[in-house]
Every structure is written in C-alpha cells, then in structure tokens.
C-alpha cells in the first residue's frame, strides 16, 4: 500500500501552500518548476517546509483540509512541531 503525504510549501511571498499526494518527489518537482498551474505557479520559488506521511488518502485529505483552515500562526507552530503553542492557538475564544 502506498503512503500518502501532506506537505506545506513556503512561497516567495511568504504565504503557505498545503497539499497532499501519493508521489511526493514528483509533486514537489511540479511545484518547483511551475509545471502545474495552481497557487504556487505565480509565487515561485517555493520551499518545502513540512512533510507528514499517512496510511490512507482519506486521512491525508482530512489533514490537508484542516491545515488549510488554520491561521498563519497555527501553520507555523505545526511546521515547527511546537505542539504546546498549537494547542494554545487552537483553544476557542469566548466573547463576553
């Protein structure tokens, strides 16, 4: 069974792109060269800053979608594997 990957790229403009794939080397190469026309093609060069492996495509897609909904601060905490900060940033804020 092939592994699946979630990856995060830092773009030239400082933004982050999150994706998933079952062929990491090929997919990252496509981002580096601009072969695929997507968010990163106009923000090259890009740098791979995070990779996580999953046993199923469903779990990789679920994680990709979750990360895409996060703030920049949460993404950076995740990339740095700072789980304490990630936990703190994940707490719901209550309004009085």
N, C-alpha and C. Protein backbone atom coordinates (compact mmCIF):
# COMPACT_ATOMS: atom_id res chain seq x y z
N UNK A 1 0.84 -1.18 0.00
CA UNK A 1 0.00 0.00 0.00
C UNK A 1 0.88 1.25 0.00
N UNK A 2 0.60 2.16 -0.89
CA UNK A 2 1.37 3.39 -1.00
C UNK A 2 1.10 4.32 0.17
N UNK A 3 2.14 5.00 0.64
CA UNK A 3 1.88 6.04 1.63
C UNK A 3 1.35 7.31 0.94
N UNK A 4 0.68 8.12 1.69
CA UNK A 4 0.20 9.42 1.22
C UNK A 4 0.84 10.49 2.09
N UNK A 5 1.02 11.65 1.53
CA UNK A 5 1.73 12.71 2.22
C UNK A 5 0.93 14.01 2.22
N UNK A 6 1.04 14.74 3.31
CA UNK A 6 0.60 16.13 3.37
C UNK A 6 1.88 16.93 3.42
N UNK A 7 1.93 17.99 2.63
CA UNK A 7 3.14 18.82 2.59
C UNK A 7 2.74 20.29 2.67
N UNK A 8 3.67 21.08 3.18
CA UNK A 8 3.48 22.53 3.23
C UNK A 8 4.67 23.18 2.56
N UNK A 9 4.39 24.09 1.65
CA UNK A 9 5.41 24.86 0.96
C UNK A 9 5.34 26.31 1.42
N UNK A 10 6.50 26.94 1.59
CA UNK A 10 6.54 28.38 1.82
C UNK A 10 6.85 29.02 0.47
N UNK A 11 6.00 29.94 0.07
CA UNK A 11 6.14 30.60 -1.23
C UNK A 11 7.01 31.85 -1.12
N UNK A 12 7.44 32.35 -2.26
CA UNK A 12 8.29 33.53 -2.33
C UNK A 12 7.70 34.71 -1.57
N UNK A 13 6.38 34.85 -1.61
CA UNK A 13 5.73 35.99 -0.94
C UNK A 13 5.50 35.73 0.56
N UNK A 14 5.99 34.60 1.07
CA UNK A 14 5.85 34.29 2.49
C UNK A 14 4.59 33.53 2.85
N UNK A 15 3.69 33.35 1.90
CA UNK A 15 2.47 32.60 2.16
C UNK A 15 2.78 31.10 2.17
N UNK A 16 1.82 30.32 2.66
CA UNK A 16 1.97 28.87 2.73
C UNK A 16 0.96 28.19 1.82
N UNK A 17 1.40 27.10 1.21
CA UNK A 17 0.52 26.27 0.39
C UNK A 17 0.55 24.87 0.99
N UNK A 18 -0.61 24.29 1.20
CA UNK A 18 -0.72 22.93 1.74
C UNK A 18 -1.36 22.04 0.69
N UNK A 19 -0.78 20.86 0.51
CA UNK A 19 -1.32 19.91 -0.45
C UNK A 19 -1.12 18.48 0.03
N UNK A 20 -1.63 17.53 -0.76
CA UNK A 20 -1.41 16.11 -0.46
C UNK A 20 -1.08 15.39 -1.75
N UNK A 21 -0.40 14.26 -1.63
CA UNK A 21 0.00 13.49 -2.80
C UNK A 21 0.39 12.07 -2.39
N UNK A 22 0.44 11.18 -3.38
CA UNK A 22 1.00 9.85 -3.14
C UNK A 22 2.36 9.70 -3.82
N UNK A 23 2.81 10.75 -4.51
CA UNK A 23 4.13 10.75 -5.14
C UNK A 23 4.80 12.09 -4.81
N UNK A 24 5.41 12.13 -3.66
CA UNK A 24 5.94 13.38 -3.13
C UNK A 24 7.01 14.00 -4.03
N UNK A 25 7.96 13.22 -4.46
CA UNK A 25 9.04 13.74 -5.29
C UNK A 25 8.51 14.39 -6.57
N UNK A 26 7.60 13.70 -7.25
CA UNK A 26 7.03 14.23 -8.49
C UNK A 26 6.24 15.51 -8.24
N UNK A 27 5.40 15.48 -7.22
CA UNK A 27 4.53 16.63 -6.95
C UNK A 27 5.33 17.87 -6.54
N UNK A 28 6.31 17.70 -5.69
CA UNK A 28 7.13 18.84 -5.27
C UNK A 28 7.91 19.38 -6.47
N UNK A 29 8.40 18.49 -7.30
CA UNK A 29 9.09 18.90 -8.53
C UNK A 29 8.20 19.74 -9.43
N UNK A 30 6.93 19.37 -9.51
CA UNK A 30 5.97 20.14 -10.31
C UNK A 30 5.77 21.54 -9.75
N UNK A 31 5.76 21.65 -8.43
CA UNK A 31 5.66 22.98 -7.80
C UNK A 31 6.92 23.79 -8.06
N UNK A 32 8.08 23.17 -7.93
CA UNK A 32 9.36 23.87 -8.11
C UNK A 32 9.49 24.43 -9.53
N UNK A 33 9.05 23.67 -10.51
CA UNK A 33 9.22 24.08 -11.91
C UNK A 33 8.06 24.92 -12.44
N UNK A 34 6.95 24.93 -11.72
CA UNK A 34 5.78 25.66 -12.19
C UNK A 34 5.00 24.89 -13.23
N UNK A 35 5.27 23.59 -13.34
CA UNK A 35 4.60 22.75 -14.34
C UNK A 35 3.09 22.72 -14.16
N UNK A 36 2.65 22.73 -12.92
CA UNK A 36 1.22 22.75 -12.66
C UNK A 36 0.77 24.18 -12.41
N UNK A 37 -0.34 24.52 -12.97
CA UNK A 37 -0.87 25.88 -12.81
C UNK A 37 -1.79 25.90 -11.59
N UNK A 38 -1.25 26.38 -10.50
CA UNK A 38 -2.01 26.48 -9.27
C UNK A 38 -1.47 27.66 -8.48
N UNK A 39 -1.84 27.74 -7.22
CA UNK A 39 -1.47 28.84 -6.35
C UNK A 39 0.03 29.13 -6.38
N UNK A 40 0.83 28.09 -6.40
CA UNK A 40 2.28 28.27 -6.30
C UNK A 40 2.95 28.69 -7.60
N UNK A 41 2.30 28.52 -8.73
CA UNK A 41 2.97 28.79 -10.00
C UNK A 41 3.35 30.25 -10.18
N UNK A 42 2.64 31.16 -9.52
CA UNK A 42 2.99 32.58 -9.61
C UNK A 42 3.73 33.07 -8.37
N UNK A 43 4.06 32.14 -7.48
CA UNK A 43 4.72 32.51 -6.22
C UNK A 43 6.03 31.76 -6.03
N UNK A 44 6.64 31.35 -7.12
CA UNK A 44 7.91 30.64 -7.07
C UNK A 44 9.05 31.62 -6.89
N UNK A 45 10.14 31.19 -6.29
CA UNK A 45 10.40 29.82 -5.87
C UNK A 45 9.65 29.47 -4.58
N UNK A 46 9.45 28.17 -4.40
CA UNK A 46 8.81 27.66 -3.20
C UNK A 46 9.82 26.80 -2.45
N UNK A 47 9.59 26.64 -1.16
CA UNK A 47 10.48 25.81 -0.34
C UNK A 47 9.62 24.84 0.47
N UNK A 48 9.98 23.58 0.40
CA UNK A 48 9.29 22.55 1.18
C UNK A 48 9.67 22.73 2.65
N UNK A 49 8.67 22.95 3.51
CA UNK A 49 8.96 23.20 4.93
C UNK A 49 8.35 22.15 5.86
N UNK A 50 7.49 21.27 5.34
CA UNK A 50 6.86 20.28 6.20
C UNK A 50 6.34 19.12 5.37
N UNK A 51 6.54 17.90 5.91
CA UNK A 51 6.00 16.67 5.29
C UNK A 51 5.48 15.78 6.41
N UNK A 52 4.32 15.18 6.17
CA UNK A 52 3.80 14.18 7.10
C UNK A 52 3.23 13.03 6.29
N UNK A 53 3.51 11.81 6.72
CA UNK A 53 3.08 10.61 6.00
C UNK A 53 1.83 10.02 6.63
N UNK A 54 0.93 9.49 5.77
CA UNK A 54 -0.31 8.87 6.21
C UNK A 54 -0.51 7.54 5.51
N UNK A 55 -1.24 6.65 6.14
CA UNK A 55 -1.50 5.33 5.57
C UNK A 55 -2.65 5.35 4.56
N UNK A 56 -3.51 6.38 4.62
CA UNK A 56 -4.64 6.43 3.70
C UNK A 56 -4.79 7.83 3.08
N UNK A 57 -5.33 7.84 1.88
CA UNK A 57 -5.59 9.11 1.21
C UNK A 57 -6.64 9.91 1.98
N UNK A 58 -7.63 9.23 2.51
CA UNK A 58 -8.70 9.91 3.26
C UNK A 58 -8.14 10.70 4.43
N UNK A 59 -7.21 10.11 5.18
CA UNK A 59 -6.62 10.80 6.34
C UNK A 59 -5.74 11.96 5.87
N UNK A 60 -5.02 11.78 4.78
CA UNK A 60 -4.19 12.87 4.24
C UNK A 60 -5.06 14.04 3.81
N UNK A 61 -6.15 13.76 3.12
CA UNK A 61 -7.06 14.82 2.67
C UNK A 61 -7.69 15.52 3.87
N UNK A 62 -8.09 14.75 4.87
CA UNK A 62 -8.68 15.34 6.07
C UNK A 62 -7.69 16.29 6.75
N UNK A 63 -6.44 15.88 6.87
CA UNK A 63 -5.42 16.71 7.50
C UNK A 63 -5.12 17.93 6.65
N UNK A 64 -5.02 17.76 5.34
CA UNK A 64 -4.79 18.90 4.43
C UNK A 64 -5.88 19.95 4.61
N UNK A 65 -7.12 19.53 4.61
CA UNK A 65 -8.24 20.48 4.76
C UNK A 65 -8.20 21.19 6.11
N UNK A 66 -7.85 20.44 7.14
CA UNK A 66 -7.76 21.04 8.47
C UNK A 66 -6.68 22.13 8.48
N UNK A 67 -5.50 21.82 7.97
CA UNK A 67 -4.40 22.79 7.95
C UNK A 67 -4.77 24.01 7.11
N UNK A 68 -5.44 23.80 5.99
CA UNK A 68 -5.81 24.93 5.13
C UNK A 68 -6.72 25.92 5.84
N UNK A 69 -7.45 25.46 6.83
CA UNK A 69 -8.35 26.34 7.57
C UNK A 69 -7.69 27.07 8.73
N UNK A 70 -6.43 26.79 8.97
CA UNK A 70 -5.72 27.38 10.10
C UNK A 70 -5.17 28.75 9.79
N UNK A 71 -4.94 29.50 10.86
CA UNK A 71 -4.25 30.79 10.74
C UNK A 71 -2.78 30.56 10.42
N UNK A 72 -2.13 31.62 9.99
CA UNK A 72 -0.70 31.55 9.72
C UNK A 72 0.07 31.11 10.97
N UNK A 73 -0.30 31.65 12.14
CA UNK A 73 0.38 31.31 13.38
C UNK A 73 0.27 29.81 13.70
N UNK A 74 -0.90 29.24 13.48
CA UNK A 74 -1.09 27.81 13.74
C UNK A 74 -0.26 26.97 12.76
N UNK A 75 -0.23 27.38 11.48
CA UNK A 75 0.58 26.65 10.50
C UNK A 75 2.05 26.69 10.89
N UNK A 76 2.53 27.85 11.32
CA UNK A 76 3.94 27.96 11.70
C UNK A 76 4.26 27.14 12.94
N UNK A 77 3.36 27.08 13.90
CA UNK A 77 3.55 26.24 15.08
C UNK A 77 3.60 24.77 14.67
N UNK A 78 2.75 24.37 13.75
CA UNK A 78 2.70 22.98 13.26
C UNK A 78 3.99 22.63 12.53
N UNK A 79 4.44 23.52 11.66
CA UNK A 79 5.68 23.31 10.91
C UNK A 79 6.85 23.13 11.87
N UNK A 80 6.89 23.93 12.93
CA UNK A 80 7.98 23.88 13.91
C UNK A 80 7.78 22.77 14.94
N UNK A 81 6.66 22.05 14.81
CA UNK A 81 6.29 20.98 15.74
C UNK A 81 6.23 21.49 17.17
N UNK A 82 5.75 22.73 17.31
CA UNK A 82 5.56 23.35 18.62
C UNK A 82 4.11 23.08 19.04
N UNK A 83 3.89 21.89 19.59
CA UNK A 83 2.53 21.44 19.88
C UNK A 83 1.90 22.17 21.06
N UNK A 84 2.72 22.67 21.96
CA UNK A 84 2.17 23.47 23.06
C UNK A 84 1.55 24.76 22.52
N UNK A 85 2.28 25.45 21.64
CA UNK A 85 1.74 26.68 21.04
C UNK A 85 0.54 26.35 20.16
N UNK A 86 0.61 25.27 19.40
CA UNK A 86 -0.51 24.87 18.55
C UNK A 86 -1.76 24.63 19.41
N UNK A 87 -1.57 23.97 20.52
CA UNK A 87 -2.69 23.71 21.44
C UNK A 87 -3.27 25.02 21.97
N UNK A 88 -2.40 25.94 22.34
CA UNK A 88 -2.84 27.24 22.86
C UNK A 88 -3.59 28.01 21.77
N UNK A 89 -3.09 27.99 20.55
CA UNK A 89 -3.73 28.71 19.45
C UNK A 89 -5.05 28.06 19.02
N UNK A 90 -5.23 26.80 19.38
CA UNK A 90 -6.43 26.06 19.00
C UNK A 90 -7.59 26.25 19.95
N UNK A 91 -7.33 26.79 21.12
CA UNK A 91 -8.41 26.97 22.09
C UNK A 91 -9.41 27.98 21.58
N UNK A 92 -10.66 27.64 21.76
CA UNK A 92 -11.73 28.54 21.33
C UNK A 92 -11.73 29.79 22.20
N UNK A 93 -11.97 30.89 21.56
CA UNK A 93 -12.06 32.14 22.29
C UNK A 93 -13.52 32.39 22.64
N UNK A 94 -13.72 32.80 23.86
CA UNK A 94 -15.08 33.12 24.29
C UNK A 94 -15.23 34.62 24.37
N UNK A 95 -16.37 35.08 23.95
CA UNK A 95 -16.64 36.53 23.97
C UNK A 95 -17.66 36.83 25.05
N UNK A 96 -17.41 37.90 25.79
CA UNK A 96 -18.33 38.28 26.87
C UNK A 96 -19.25 39.37 26.44
